Amino acid sequence: GNNIGLERFFDYQNQTLNWDNFGHGYMSLAEATASTQQVVAGGIPHTKLHRLNEYELVQVARDAVQGVGLNLMLAGGCGVGALVGDEIRSAAAAVPARLQDTD
């Protein structure tokens, strides 16, 4: 559903919060990483990941890391489905190096 408040999980005794930041009314990754010391995992649209090409995935990743703290782990929001094939897995593996590219 929408309007799920991530802040209600900040007092949980875990180190990572997996967050789908694409829903209506959801806290952004920048807001989430600024609001907790826990690692926030998210930034990749898990419902669309299987349709992204490498270029699109890198753009999504670049957008995700803008303005966030060091406590971000790029990941599929709530999870990554079985529709993700070898091509997108290879593209995902290339993202860290591509984020360092200045081109």
N, C-alpha and C. Protein backbone atom coordinates (compact mmCIF):
# COMPACT_ATOMS: atom_id res chain seq x y z
N GLY A 1 0.80 -1.18 0.00
CA GLY A 1 0.00 0.00 0.00
C GLY A 1 0.85 1.26 0.00
N ASN A 2 0.22 2.37 -0.11
CA ASN A 2 0.91 3.66 -0.08
C ASN A 2 0.84 4.27 1.31
N ASN A 3 1.60 5.34 1.49
CA ASN A 3 1.64 6.08 2.76
C ASN A 3 2.09 5.23 3.94
N ILE A 4 3.03 4.33 3.69
CA ILE A 4 3.62 3.54 4.78
C ILE A 4 4.72 4.40 5.41
N GLY A 5 4.68 4.58 6.69
CA GLY A 5 5.64 5.43 7.37
C GLY A 5 6.90 4.68 7.78
N LEU A 6 8.00 4.93 7.10
CA LEU A 6 9.25 4.27 7.42
C LEU A 6 9.70 4.59 8.84
N GLU A 7 9.38 5.79 9.30
CA GLU A 7 9.82 6.22 10.63
C GLU A 7 9.34 5.29 11.75
N ARG A 8 8.27 4.57 11.53
CA ARG A 8 7.79 3.67 12.59
C ARG A 8 8.71 2.46 12.79
N PHE A 9 9.67 2.27 11.89
CA PHE A 9 10.62 1.17 12.00
C PHE A 9 11.98 1.61 12.53
N PHE A 10 12.18 2.90 12.78
CA PHE A 10 13.47 3.40 13.21
C PHE A 10 13.92 2.85 14.56
N ASP A 11 13.00 2.46 15.41
CA ASP A 11 13.40 1.94 16.72
C ASP A 11 13.57 0.43 16.74
N TYR A 12 13.42 -0.21 15.59
CA TYR A 12 13.68 -1.65 15.52
C TYR A 12 15.16 -1.91 15.74
N GLN A 13 15.48 -3.03 16.33
CA GLN A 13 16.86 -3.36 16.66
C GLN A 13 17.55 -4.12 15.52
N ASN A 14 17.41 -3.62 14.32
CA ASN A 14 18.09 -4.21 13.17
C ASN A 14 19.00 -3.15 12.55
N GLN A 15 19.90 -3.62 11.70
CA GLN A 15 20.87 -2.70 11.12
C GLN A 15 20.45 -2.15 9.76
N THR A 16 19.48 -2.80 9.10
CA THR A 16 19.09 -2.40 7.75
C THR A 16 17.58 -2.33 7.62
N LEU A 17 17.12 -1.30 6.94
CA LEU A 17 15.71 -1.15 6.59
C LEU A 17 15.60 -1.21 5.07
N ASN A 18 14.88 -2.19 4.54
CA ASN A 18 14.67 -2.28 3.10
C ASN A 18 13.47 -1.41 2.77
N TRP A 19 13.65 -0.44 1.86
CA TRP A 19 12.64 0.58 1.65
C TRP A 19 12.31 0.76 0.17
N ASP A 20 11.03 0.69 -0.15
CA ASP A 20 10.54 1.02 -1.49
C ASP A 20 10.20 2.50 -1.50
N ASN A 21 11.09 3.31 -2.00
CA ASN A 21 10.93 4.76 -1.96
C ASN A 21 10.11 5.31 -3.13
N PHE A 22 9.47 4.45 -3.91
CA PHE A 22 8.76 4.92 -5.09
C PHE A 22 7.25 5.06 -4.90
N GLY A 23 6.72 4.64 -3.78
CA GLY A 23 5.28 4.72 -3.55
C GLY A 23 4.82 6.13 -3.22
N HIS A 24 3.55 6.39 -3.44
CA HIS A 24 2.95 7.69 -3.14
C HIS A 24 3.00 7.95 -1.64
N GLY A 25 3.55 9.08 -1.26
CA GLY A 25 3.63 9.44 0.15
C GLY A 25 4.80 8.81 0.89
N TYR A 26 5.67 8.12 0.18
CA TYR A 26 6.81 7.46 0.83
C TYR A 26 7.94 8.46 1.06
N MET A 27 8.67 8.27 2.14
CA MET A 27 9.85 9.06 2.44
C MET A 27 10.91 8.81 1.36
N SER A 28 11.59 9.87 0.93
CA SER A 28 12.66 9.71 -0.06
C SER A 28 13.87 9.05 0.59
N LEU A 29 14.78 8.57 -0.23
CA LEU A 29 16.01 7.98 0.31
C LEU A 29 16.84 9.02 1.06
N ALA A 30 16.89 10.25 0.53
CA ALA A 30 17.64 11.31 1.21
C ALA A 30 17.05 11.58 2.59
N GLU A 31 15.72 11.64 2.67
CA GLU A 31 15.06 11.85 3.97
C GLU A 31 15.31 10.67 4.90
N ALA A 32 15.21 9.47 4.35
CA ALA A 32 15.38 8.26 5.16
C ALA A 32 16.80 8.15 5.72
N THR A 33 17.81 8.36 4.88
CA THR A 33 19.18 8.22 5.37
C THR A 33 19.56 9.33 6.33
N ALA A 34 18.90 10.49 6.21
CA ALA A 34 19.15 11.59 7.15
C ALA A 34 18.43 11.38 8.48
N SER A 35 17.42 10.52 8.49
CA SER A 35 16.58 10.35 9.67
C SER A 35 16.96 9.17 10.56
N THR A 36 17.85 8.32 10.10
CA THR A 36 18.21 7.14 10.87
C THR A 36 19.68 6.82 10.68
N GLN A 37 20.25 6.11 11.65
CA GLN A 37 21.62 5.63 11.50
C GLN A 37 21.64 4.24 10.89
N GLN A 38 20.48 3.63 10.79
CA GLN A 38 20.39 2.32 10.15
C GLN A 38 20.70 2.45 8.67
N VAL A 39 21.18 1.38 8.07
CA VAL A 39 21.39 1.36 6.63
C VAL A 39 20.01 1.29 5.97
N VAL A 40 19.80 2.11 4.96
CA VAL A 40 18.55 2.07 4.21
C VAL A 40 18.85 1.44 2.85
N ALA A 41 18.20 0.33 2.58
CA ALA A 41 18.38 -0.38 1.31
C ALA A 41 17.22 -0.04 0.40
N GLY A 42 17.51 0.44 -0.79
CA GLY A 42 16.46 0.79 -1.73
C GLY A 42 17.02 1.57 -2.90
N GLY A 43 16.16 2.27 -3.60
CA GLY A 43 16.58 3.12 -4.70
C GLY A 43 16.40 2.51 -6.08
N ILE A 44 16.17 1.21 -6.14
CA ILE A 44 15.96 0.54 -7.43
C ILE A 44 14.51 0.09 -7.48
N PRO A 45 13.77 0.49 -8.51
CA PRO A 45 12.35 0.15 -8.58
C PRO A 45 12.14 -1.34 -8.87
N HIS A 46 11.88 -2.10 -7.83
CA HIS A 46 11.79 -3.55 -7.97
C HIS A 46 10.67 -4.00 -8.90
N THR A 47 9.62 -3.21 -9.06
CA THR A 47 8.53 -3.61 -9.94
C THR A 47 8.83 -3.34 -11.41
N LYS A 48 9.88 -2.56 -11.67
CA LYS A 48 10.24 -2.21 -13.05
C LYS A 48 11.63 -2.72 -13.43
N LEU A 49 12.36 -3.26 -12.49
CA LEU A 49 13.76 -3.64 -12.73
C LEU A 49 13.91 -4.56 -13.93
N HIS A 50 13.03 -5.51 -14.09
CA HIS A 50 13.14 -6.48 -15.18
C HIS A 50 12.95 -5.84 -16.56
N ARG A 51 12.47 -4.59 -16.61
CA ARG A 51 12.26 -3.90 -17.90
C ARG A 51 13.34 -2.86 -18.19
N LEU A 52 14.28 -2.63 -17.29
CA LEU A 52 15.30 -1.61 -17.47
C LEU A 52 16.49 -2.16 -18.25
N ASN A 53 17.05 -1.32 -19.12
CA ASN A 53 18.32 -1.71 -19.75
C ASN A 53 19.45 -1.14 -18.89
N GLU A 54 20.69 -1.41 -19.27
CA GLU A 54 21.82 -0.98 -18.45
C GLU A 54 21.86 0.54 -18.29
N TYR A 55 21.64 1.28 -19.36
CA TYR A 55 21.66 2.73 -19.29
C TYR A 55 20.61 3.24 -18.30
N GLU A 56 19.39 2.72 -18.42
CA GLU A 56 18.31 3.14 -17.53
C GLU A 56 18.60 2.79 -16.08
N LEU A 57 19.18 1.62 -15.86
CA LEU A 57 19.51 1.20 -14.50
C LEU A 57 20.57 2.11 -13.88
N VAL A 58 21.57 2.49 -14.65
CA VAL A 58 22.60 3.40 -14.16
C VAL A 58 21.98 4.76 -13.83
N GLN A 59 21.07 5.25 -14.67
CA GLN A 59 20.41 6.53 -14.40
C GLN A 59 19.59 6.46 -13.11
N VAL A 60 18.87 5.37 -12.90
CA VAL A 60 18.09 5.19 -11.68
C VAL A 60 19.02 5.19 -10.47
N ALA A 61 20.15 4.49 -10.59
CA ALA A 61 21.12 4.42 -9.50
C ALA A 61 21.71 5.80 -9.21
N ARG A 62 22.05 6.54 -10.26
CA ARG A 62 22.59 7.90 -10.06
C ARG A 62 21.58 8.78 -9.35
N ASP A 63 20.33 8.71 -9.76
CA ASP A 63 19.28 9.49 -9.10
C ASP A 63 19.14 9.07 -7.64
N ALA A 64 19.25 7.77 -7.38
CA ALA A 64 19.06 7.26 -6.02
C ALA A 64 20.12 7.76 -5.05
N VAL A 65 21.35 7.90 -5.51
CA VAL A 65 22.43 8.26 -4.59
C VAL A 65 22.57 9.77 -4.40
N GLN A 66 21.85 10.56 -5.18
CA GLN A 66 21.92 12.01 -5.05
C GLN A 66 21.44 12.45 -3.67
N GLY A 67 22.29 13.11 -2.93
CA GLY A 67 21.90 13.73 -1.67
C GLY A 67 21.66 12.78 -0.51
N VAL A 68 22.08 11.53 -0.65
CA VAL A 68 21.86 10.59 0.44
C VAL A 68 23.12 10.43 1.29
N GLY A 69 22.93 9.93 2.50
CA GLY A 69 24.04 9.69 3.39
C GLY A 69 24.79 8.43 3.01
N LEU A 70 25.83 8.16 3.77
CA LEU A 70 26.63 6.96 3.53
C LEU A 70 25.92 5.69 3.96
N ASN A 71 24.78 5.82 4.61
CA ASN A 71 24.06 4.65 5.09
C ASN A 71 23.01 4.18 4.07
N LEU A 72 23.37 4.20 2.79
CA LEU A 72 22.50 3.71 1.72
C LEU A 72 23.11 2.47 1.10
N MET A 73 22.27 1.47 0.88
CA MET A 73 22.64 0.30 0.12
C MET A 73 21.70 0.25 -1.08
N LEU A 74 22.24 0.38 -2.29
CA LEU A 74 21.39 0.30 -3.47
C LEU A 74 20.82 -1.10 -3.56
N ALA A 75 19.51 -1.18 -3.63
CA ALA A 75 18.84 -2.47 -3.68
C ALA A 75 17.45 -2.27 -4.25
N GLY A 76 16.84 -3.35 -4.66
CA GLY A 76 15.45 -3.32 -5.08
C GLY A 76 14.59 -3.02 -3.86
N GLY A 77 13.66 -2.10 -3.99
CA GLY A 77 12.83 -1.68 -2.87
C GLY A 77 12.41 -2.78 -1.92
N CYS A 78 11.32 -3.43 -2.19
CA CYS A 78 10.84 -4.49 -1.29
C CYS A 78 11.44 -5.84 -1.61
N GLY A 79 11.95 -6.00 -2.77
CA GLY A 79 12.53 -7.27 -3.20
C GLY A 79 12.70 -7.25 -4.70
N VAL A 80 13.38 -8.23 -5.20
CA VAL A 80 13.61 -8.34 -6.63
C VAL A 80 12.99 -9.65 -7.09
N GLY A 81 12.11 -9.55 -8.07
CA GLY A 81 11.36 -10.72 -8.53
C GLY A 81 12.16 -11.65 -9.42
N ALA A 82 11.55 -12.78 -9.68
CA ALA A 82 12.17 -13.82 -10.49
C ALA A 82 12.28 -13.45 -11.96
N LEU A 83 11.60 -12.39 -12.39
CA LEU A 83 11.66 -11.98 -13.79
C LEU A 83 12.99 -11.35 -14.18
N VAL A 84 13.84 -11.07 -13.20
CA VAL A 84 15.13 -10.45 -13.48
C VAL A 84 16.06 -11.52 -14.06
N GLY A 85 16.43 -11.33 -15.34
CA GLY A 85 17.25 -12.30 -16.03
C GLY A 85 18.73 -11.96 -16.00
N ASP A 86 19.50 -12.73 -16.75
CA ASP A 86 20.96 -12.57 -16.77
C ASP A 86 21.39 -11.20 -17.26
N GLU A 87 20.68 -10.62 -18.24
CA GLU A 87 21.08 -9.32 -18.78
C GLU A 87 21.01 -8.23 -17.72
N ILE A 88 19.93 -8.18 -16.96
CA ILE A 88 19.81 -7.14 -15.93
C ILE A 88 20.73 -7.45 -14.76
N ARG A 89 20.99 -8.72 -14.48
CA ARG A 89 21.96 -9.06 -13.42
C ARG A 89 23.35 -8.55 -13.80
N SER A 90 23.73 -8.70 -15.06
CA SER A 90 25.02 -8.19 -15.53
C SER A 90 25.04 -6.66 -15.46
N ALA A 91 23.94 -6.03 -15.85
CA ALA A 91 23.86 -4.57 -15.79
C ALA A 91 23.98 -4.10 -14.35
N ALA A 92 23.32 -4.79 -13.44
CA ALA A 92 23.39 -4.41 -12.02
C ALA A 92 24.80 -4.55 -11.49
N ALA A 93 25.51 -5.56 -11.92
CA ALA A 93 26.89 -5.76 -11.47
C ALA A 93 27.80 -4.64 -11.96
N ALA A 94 27.44 -4.02 -13.09
CA ALA A 94 28.26 -2.94 -13.67
C ALA A 94 27.97 -1.58 -13.04
N VAL A 95 26.89 -1.44 -12.28
CA VAL A 95 26.49 -0.14 -11.76
C VAL A 95 27.57 0.54 -10.92
N PRO A 96 28.22 -0.12 -9.95
CA PRO A 96 29.21 0.61 -9.13
C PRO A 96 30.30 1.29 -9.97
N ALA A 97 30.83 0.57 -10.95
CA ALA A 97 31.88 1.17 -11.80
C ALA A 97 31.30 2.29 -12.66
N ARG A 98 30.10 2.10 -13.16
CA ARG A 98 29.47 3.12 -14.01
C ARG A 98 29.14 4.37 -13.22
N LEU A 99 28.83 4.26 -11.94
CA LEU A 99 28.55 5.43 -11.13
C LEU A 99 29.79 6.30 -10.95
N GLN A 100 30.95 5.69 -11.09
CA GLN A 100 32.19 6.44 -10.96
C GLN A 100 32.59 7.12 -12.26
N ASP A 101 32.00 6.67 -13.38
CA ASP A 101 32.27 7.31 -14.68
C ASP A 101 31.77 8.74 -14.67
N THR A 102 32.51 9.62 -15.26
CA THR A 102 32.09 11.03 -15.33
C THR A 102 31.42 11.35 -16.65
N ASP A 103 31.36 10.39 -17.57
CA ASP A 103 30.74 10.63 -18.88
C ASP A 103 29.25 10.67 -18.79
